[in-house]
Amino acid sequence: MERSARVTVVGSANVDLTVFTSVVPRAGETVLGDEFQMSIGGKGTNQATAARRAGSEVTMITKVGDDSLAEVLLAHYRTEGITTDQVWRVPNCATGTATIIVDTHTGENRIVVASGANAKIGADDILAAETAIAEADALVLQLEIAPEASLAAAEAAKRAGKLCILNPAPAAPLPPQLFACADYFTPNETEAEFYTGIAIRSIDDAFCAGEKLLTLGVGCAVITLGAAGAVLVREGKRVHIPTIAVEAIDTTGAGDCFNGVLAVALAEGLDEVEAVRRASLAASLAVQRKGAAVSCPTRAEIDAAIQ
């Protein structure tokens, strides 16, 4: 029997504290919300969950605190079947949290992250876990950990000849070498503007931003456009990949779902345009549910939606 694709995710582990409200407070204002939810989050954990549910074997490389929230995350990894050999507990440190306000009218969110143990992930930790990167078919990275840790992971993937997918979120200045290590660089419109200076108001703008990203050294730029789908740009290639129209309930983690599913599709050898189409469809399914990691669809759900 052919083995499953293997994905390793290096990134953040958070517990999300979410309030759904029909009135988003202004500065100095207190409002009554509609519902509170505590759930699993952190861009790394969301992407690992999406990849696992999409059918891949997944190893998570991260750190958690020594508090009760760490147990919540570890239980989630066990339930999902995510390998935790490289999940380390940090003494006298809080587990990462994200406080999220979701506008129930639009599904849009506002997020404040307290990094906690995520800020303790360093390049030395990544080198200690290099085998888990070398044994994977694809590595997924984001920017909720120190850039030097992400760079160490990306360079380890390059040494091993493995695919590297960098989701540059939240947007932050990057060392030039990190762009060069990214086989796929996957910003949303806002992040793409941060790195290129090009405001994206049309598909053509997105193509121009993608081409600017290529000049920074990335192998392929995939810019997600929300309801408009995504564009894929590599040397000599420009493709707009639309997605299905849905009513968004909660957009939290949609980009993470996209990246996790994209990693699995590429690791399995799917054509890159079809991989982006599959990832976009998975994200469209995710925004119709509340939560981040818990909203990620299963492989069967994605297959059914494609049919």
Protein backbone atom coordinates (compact mmCIF):
# COMPACT_ATOMS: atom_id res chain seq x y z
CA MET A 1 0.00 0.00 0.00
CA GLU A 2 1.35 3.40 -1.00
CA ARG A 3 2.13 5.59 2.00
CA SER A 4 0.30 8.84 2.68
CA ALA A 5 1.94 12.14 1.90
CA ARG A 6 3.87 13.56 4.84
CA VAL A 7 3.64 17.20 5.89
CA THR A 8 5.62 18.88 8.65
CA VAL A 9 4.37 22.18 10.05
CA VAL A 10 6.63 24.55 11.97
CA GLY A 11 4.64 27.26 13.67
CA SER A 12 2.36 28.53 16.36
CA ALA A 13 0.04 26.79 18.79
CA ASN A 14 -2.69 28.91 20.38
CA VAL A 15 -5.96 28.55 22.19
CA ASP A 16 -8.49 30.93 20.61
CA LEU A 17 -10.86 32.91 22.81
CA THR A 18 -13.60 34.11 20.46
CA VAL A 19 -16.54 36.45 20.99
CA PHE A 20 -19.22 36.69 18.30
CA THR A 21 -20.96 40.07 18.30
CA SER A 22 -23.38 42.04 16.14
CA VAL A 23 -21.85 45.29 17.43
CA VAL A 24 -18.04 45.62 17.21
CA PRO A 25 -16.84 47.97 19.98
CA ARG A 26 -15.06 51.21 19.21
CA ALA A 27 -12.22 52.55 21.36
CA GLY A 28 -13.39 52.96 24.96
CA GLU A 29 -16.75 51.28 24.27
CA THR A 30 -18.20 48.20 26.01
CA VAL A 31 -20.84 46.12 24.20
CA LEU A 32 -22.70 42.91 24.93
CA GLY A 33 -21.61 40.05 22.68
CA ASP A 34 -23.74 37.18 21.40
CA GLU A 35 -21.64 34.07 22.06
CA PHE A 36 -18.25 33.00 23.49
CA GLN A 37 -16.22 30.06 22.23
CA MET A 38 -12.86 28.62 23.30
CA SER A 39 -11.23 26.62 20.53
CA ILE A 40 -7.95 25.46 19.04
CA GLY A 41 -5.95 27.93 16.96
CA GLY A 42 -2.56 29.33 16.07
CA LYS A 43 -1.69 29.47 12.39
CA GLY A 44 0.64 26.49 12.66
CA THR A 45 -1.88 24.32 14.47
CA ASN A 46 -4.66 25.33 12.06
CA GLN A 47 -2.52 24.37 9.08
CA ALA A 48 -1.47 21.09 10.67
CA THR A 49 -5.12 20.24 11.37
CA ALA A 50 -6.15 21.12 7.82
CA ALA A 51 -3.37 18.95 6.38
CA ARG A 52 -4.21 16.03 8.65
CA ARG A 53 -7.92 16.15 7.83
CA ALA A 54 -7.04 16.40 4.13
CA GLY A 55 -5.37 13.01 4.36
CA SER A 56 -1.70 13.59 5.16
CA GLU A 57 0.51 12.27 7.92
CA VAL A 58 1.42 15.40 9.90
CA THR A 59 4.18 16.29 12.35
CA MET A 60 3.86 19.51 14.34
CA ILE A 61 6.94 21.40 15.54
CA THR A 62 6.03 23.98 18.19
CA LYS A 63 6.13 24.93 21.87
CA VAL A 64 3.38 25.20 24.48
CA GLY A 65 3.42 26.51 28.04
CA ASP A 66 3.13 24.66 31.35
CA ASP A 67 -0.46 25.74 31.96
CA SER A 68 -3.86 24.10 31.53
CA LEU A 69 -4.24 25.49 28.00
CA ALA A 70 -1.29 23.35 26.91
CA GLU A 71 -3.33 20.27 27.78
CA VAL A 72 -6.14 21.53 25.55
CA LEU A 73 -3.75 21.73 22.59
CA LEU A 74 -2.09 18.38 23.27
CA ALA A 75 -5.48 16.69 23.50
CA HIS A 76 -6.41 18.20 20.14
CA TYR A 77 -3.23 16.87 18.50
CA ARG A 78 -3.89 13.39 19.90
CA THR A 79 -7.51 13.43 18.73
CA GLU A 80 -6.55 14.52 15.21
CA GLY A 81 -3.66 12.06 14.95
CA ILE A 82 -0.97 14.73 14.62
CA THR A 83 2.52 13.57 15.67
CA THR A 84 3.74 15.51 18.72
CA ASP A 85 7.30 14.22 19.21
CA GLN A 86 8.51 17.77 18.48
CA VAL A 87 5.98 19.65 20.62
CA TRP A 88 7.90 20.95 23.65
CA ARG A 89 6.56 22.35 26.94
CA VAL A 90 8.24 25.52 28.26
CA PRO A 91 8.47 25.85 32.08
CA ASN A 92 7.11 29.02 33.68
CA CYS A 93 5.55 30.17 30.42
CA ALA A 94 2.01 30.69 29.16
CA THR A 95 0.61 28.87 26.16
CA GLY A 96 -0.11 31.17 23.22
CA THR A 97 -3.58 32.67 23.00
CA ALA A 98 -5.56 34.65 20.45
CA THR A 99 -8.44 36.91 21.46
CA ILE A 100 -10.85 37.19 18.52
CA ILE A 101 -13.86 39.40 17.85
CA VAL A 102 -16.10 38.14 15.03
CA ASP A 103 -18.67 40.48 13.44
CA THR A 104 -21.79 38.32 13.03
CA HIS A 105 -23.04 40.52 10.17
CA THR A 106 -20.03 39.93 7.92
CA GLY A 107 -18.06 37.04 9.44
CA GLU A 108 -14.98 39.28 9.45
CA ASN A 109 -12.66 39.14 12.45
CA ARG A 110 -10.29 41.24 14.56
CA ILE A 111 -7.53 39.33 16.37
CA VAL A 112 -4.99 40.06 19.11
CA VAL A 113 -2.35 37.37 19.66
CA ALA A 114 -0.35 36.84 22.88
CA SER A 115 2.51 34.64 21.66
CA GLY A 116 3.51 33.03 24.97
CA ALA A 117 5.54 29.87 24.35
CA ASN A 118 5.51 30.44 20.60
CA ALA A 119 8.02 33.26 21.09
CA LYS A 120 10.44 30.73 22.61
CA ILE A 121 10.85 28.74 19.38
CA GLY A 122 14.39 29.38 18.10
CA ALA A 123 16.67 28.26 15.30
CA ASP A 124 18.39 25.77 17.61
CA ASP A 125 15.07 24.05 18.27
CA ILE A 126 14.52 23.67 14.54
CA LEU A 127 17.94 22.14 14.02
CA ALA A 128 17.16 19.64 16.77
CA ALA A 129 14.02 18.66 14.85
CA GLU A 130 15.62 18.64 11.40
CA THR A 131 14.91 14.94 10.86
CA ALA A 132 11.15 15.60 11.02
CA ILE A 133 11.58 18.14 8.22
CA ALA A 134 13.81 15.89 6.12
CA GLU A 135 11.35 12.99 6.35
CA ALA A 136 8.40 15.08 5.13
CA ASP A 137 7.30 15.63 1.53
CA ALA A 138 6.38 19.24 2.26
CA LEU A 139 7.12 21.83 4.94
CA VAL A 140 4.61 24.54 5.86
CA LEU A 141 5.67 27.78 7.57
CA GLN A 142 4.01 30.99 8.76
CA LEU A 143 5.23 34.03 10.70
CA GLU A 144 3.77 33.68 14.20
CA ILE A 145 7.19 32.49 15.37
CA ALA A 146 10.60 34.19 15.15
CA PRO A 147 11.78 34.76 11.54
CA GLU A 148 15.12 33.09 12.32
CA ALA A 149 13.26 29.91 13.32
CA SER A 150 11.25 29.96 10.08
CA LEU A 151 14.44 30.54 8.10
CA ALA A 152 16.20 27.64 9.84
CA ALA A 153 13.26 25.38 8.94
CA ALA A 154 13.15 26.57 5.33
CA GLU A 155 16.88 26.02 4.91
CA ALA A 156 16.55 22.53 6.40
CA ALA A 157 13.85 21.75 3.82
CA LYS A 158 16.09 23.00 1.02
CA ARG A 159 19.02 20.87 2.24
CA ALA A 160 16.74 17.83 2.17
CA GLY A 161 15.27 18.73 -1.24
CA LYS A 162 11.76 19.04 0.17
CA LEU A 163 8.94 21.37 -0.87
CA CYS A 164 8.68 24.57 1.20
CA ILE A 165 5.40 26.50 1.46
CA LEU A 166 5.67 29.87 3.22
CA ASN A 167 2.47 31.59 4.29
CA PRO A 168 3.80 35.08 5.19
CA ALA A 169 1.24 35.90 7.85
CA PRO A 170 1.08 38.02 9.83
CA ALA A 171 3.08 40.20 7.44
CA ALA A 172 6.53 41.17 8.77
CA PRO A 173 9.93 42.04 7.31
CA LEU A 174 11.74 38.90 6.13
CA PRO A 175 15.39 38.04 5.53
CA PRO A 176 16.02 37.82 1.76
CA GLN A 177 17.09 34.16 2.09
CA LEU A 178 13.59 33.23 3.26
CA PHE A 179 12.01 34.42 0.01
CA ALA A 180 14.56 32.36 -1.91
CA CYS A 181 13.70 29.21 0.09
CA ALA A 182 9.95 29.47 -0.65
CA ASP A 183 8.81 27.16 -3.43
CA TYR A 184 5.33 28.57 -2.84
CA PHE A 185 4.73 31.98 -1.22
CA THR A 186 1.07 32.34 -0.23
CA PRO A 187 0.00 35.81 1.01
CA ASN A 188 -3.51 37.23 1.01
CA GLU A 189 -4.19 40.64 -0.63
CA THR A 190 -3.13 42.66 2.41
CA GLU A 191 0.07 40.68 2.93
CA ALA A 192 0.91 40.82 -0.78
CA GLU A 193 0.60 44.62 -0.67
CA PHE A 194 2.91 44.71 2.37
CA TYR A 195 5.66 42.85 0.50
CA THR A 196 5.23 44.47 -2.92
CA GLY A 197 3.72 47.93 -2.35
CA ILE A 198 1.00 47.07 -4.87
CA ALA A 199 -2.58 47.61 -3.68
CA ILE A 200 -4.70 44.74 -4.99
CA ARG A 201 -8.06 45.94 -6.32
CA SER A 202 -8.31 43.66 -9.34
CA ILE A 203 -7.06 40.36 -10.73
CA ASP A 204 -4.51 42.27 -12.83
CA ASP A 205 -3.20 43.95 -9.66
CA ALA A 206 -2.79 40.51 -8.11
CA PHE A 207 -0.86 39.29 -11.17
CA CYS A 208 1.44 42.33 -10.93
CA ALA A 209 2.02 41.70 -7.21
CA GLY A 210 2.77 38.06 -7.93
CA GLU A 211 5.36 39.02 -10.52
CA LYS A 212 6.95 41.45 -8.06
CA LEU A 213 7.21 38.59 -5.53
CA LEU A 214 9.05 36.50 -8.12
CA THR A 215 11.71 39.22 -8.31
CA LEU A 216 12.22 38.78 -4.55
CA GLY A 217 13.21 35.17 -5.17
CA VAL A 218 10.09 33.05 -4.55
CA GLY A 219 9.52 30.10 -6.84
CA CYS A 220 5.78 30.58 -7.22
CA ALA A 221 3.43 33.22 -5.80
CA VAL A 222 -0.10 32.18 -4.84
CA ILE A 223 -2.15 35.19 -3.68
CA THR A 224 -5.48 34.40 -2.04
CA LEU A 225 -8.32 36.82 -2.82
CA GLY A 226 -11.16 35.74 -0.54
CA ALA A 227 -14.39 35.32 -2.48
CA ALA A 228 -12.51 35.97 -5.74
CA GLY A 229 -10.43 32.82 -5.30
CA ALA A 230 -6.68 33.05 -5.91
CA VAL A 231 -4.05 33.79 -8.51
CA LEU A 232 -0.98 31.68 -9.23
CA VAL A 233 2.06 33.36 -10.75
CA ARG A 234 5.38 31.81 -11.71
CA GLU A 235 7.85 32.65 -14.49
CA GLY A 236 5.85 32.66 -17.74
CA LYS A 237 2.60 31.65 -16.04
CA ARG A 238 -0.40 33.66 -14.79
CA VAL A 239 -3.58 31.86 -13.72
CA HIS A 240 -6.69 33.13 -11.94
CA ILE A 241 -8.43 30.31 -10.04
CA PRO A 242 -11.97 31.28 -8.98
CA THR A 243 -13.79 29.59 -6.13
CA ILE A 244 -17.42 28.96 -5.20
CA ALA A 245 -19.61 31.69 -3.69
CA VAL A 246 -20.64 31.00 -0.10
CA GLU A 247 -22.08 32.89 2.86
CA ALA A 248 -19.23 33.37 5.34
CA ILE A 249 -20.01 32.80 9.01
CA ASP A 250 -16.47 33.02 10.41
CA THR A 251 -13.36 33.67 8.31
CA THR A 252 -10.94 32.88 11.16
CA GLY A 253 -8.35 30.36 9.97
CA ALA A 254 -9.57 30.23 6.36
CA GLY A 255 -6.12 31.07 5.02
CA ASP A 256 -4.59 28.41 7.25
CA CYS A 257 -7.03 25.83 5.93
CA PHE A 258 -6.05 26.86 2.39
CA ASN A 259 -2.34 26.37 3.10
CA GLY A 260 -2.71 23.03 4.88
CA VAL A 261 -4.79 21.57 2.06
CA LEU A 262 -2.48 23.08 -0.58
CA ALA A 263 0.51 21.38 1.07
CA VAL A 264 -1.19 17.98 0.97
CA ALA A 265 -2.29 18.34 -2.65
CA LEU A 266 1.20 19.39 -3.77
CA ALA A 267 2.86 16.67 -1.68
CA GLU A 268 0.62 14.12 -3.39
CA GLY A 269 1.76 15.36 -6.80
CA LEU A 270 -1.42 17.15 -7.90
CA ASP A 271 -0.98 19.76 -10.64
CA GLU A 272 -0.37 23.12 -8.93
CA VAL A 273 -3.41 24.86 -10.43
CA GLU A 274 -5.66 22.00 -9.36
CA ALA A 275 -3.97 22.04 -5.94
CA VAL A 276 -4.84 25.72 -5.52
CA ARG A 277 -8.40 25.04 -6.69
CA ARG A 278 -8.76 22.26 -4.12
CA ALA A 279 -7.31 24.46 -1.35
CA SER A 280 -9.65 27.34 -2.24
CA LEU A 281 -12.65 25.04 -2.13
CA ALA A 282 -11.59 23.72 1.29
CA ALA A 283 -11.31 27.30 2.59
CA SER A 284 -14.80 28.04 1.25
CA LEU A 285 -16.11 25.11 3.27
CA ALA A 286 -14.25 26.29 6.38
CA VAL A 287 -15.70 29.83 6.41
CA GLN A 288 -19.20 28.38 6.63
CA ARG A 289 -18.39 27.09 10.14
CA LYS A 290 -17.34 28.74 13.39
CA GLY A 291 -13.82 28.35 14.73
CA ALA A 292 -10.35 28.00 13.25
CA ALA A 293 -8.84 24.51 13.40
CA VAL A 294 -12.21 22.90 14.11
CA SER A 295 -13.70 24.39 10.92
CA CYS A 296 -11.28 22.56 8.59
CA PRO A 297 -13.08 20.07 6.32
CA THR A 298 -12.18 16.41 5.97
CA ARG A 299 -10.81 14.87 2.79
CA ALA A 300 -14.19 13.25 2.14
CA GLU A 301 -15.94 16.61 2.45
CA ILE A 302 -13.50 18.25 0.04
CA ASP A 303 -13.85 15.38 -2.45
CA ALA A 304 -17.66 15.60 -2.27
CA ALA A 305 -17.61 19.35 -2.83
CA ILE A 306 -15.35 18.98 -5.86
CA GLN A 307 -17.74 16.43 -7.34
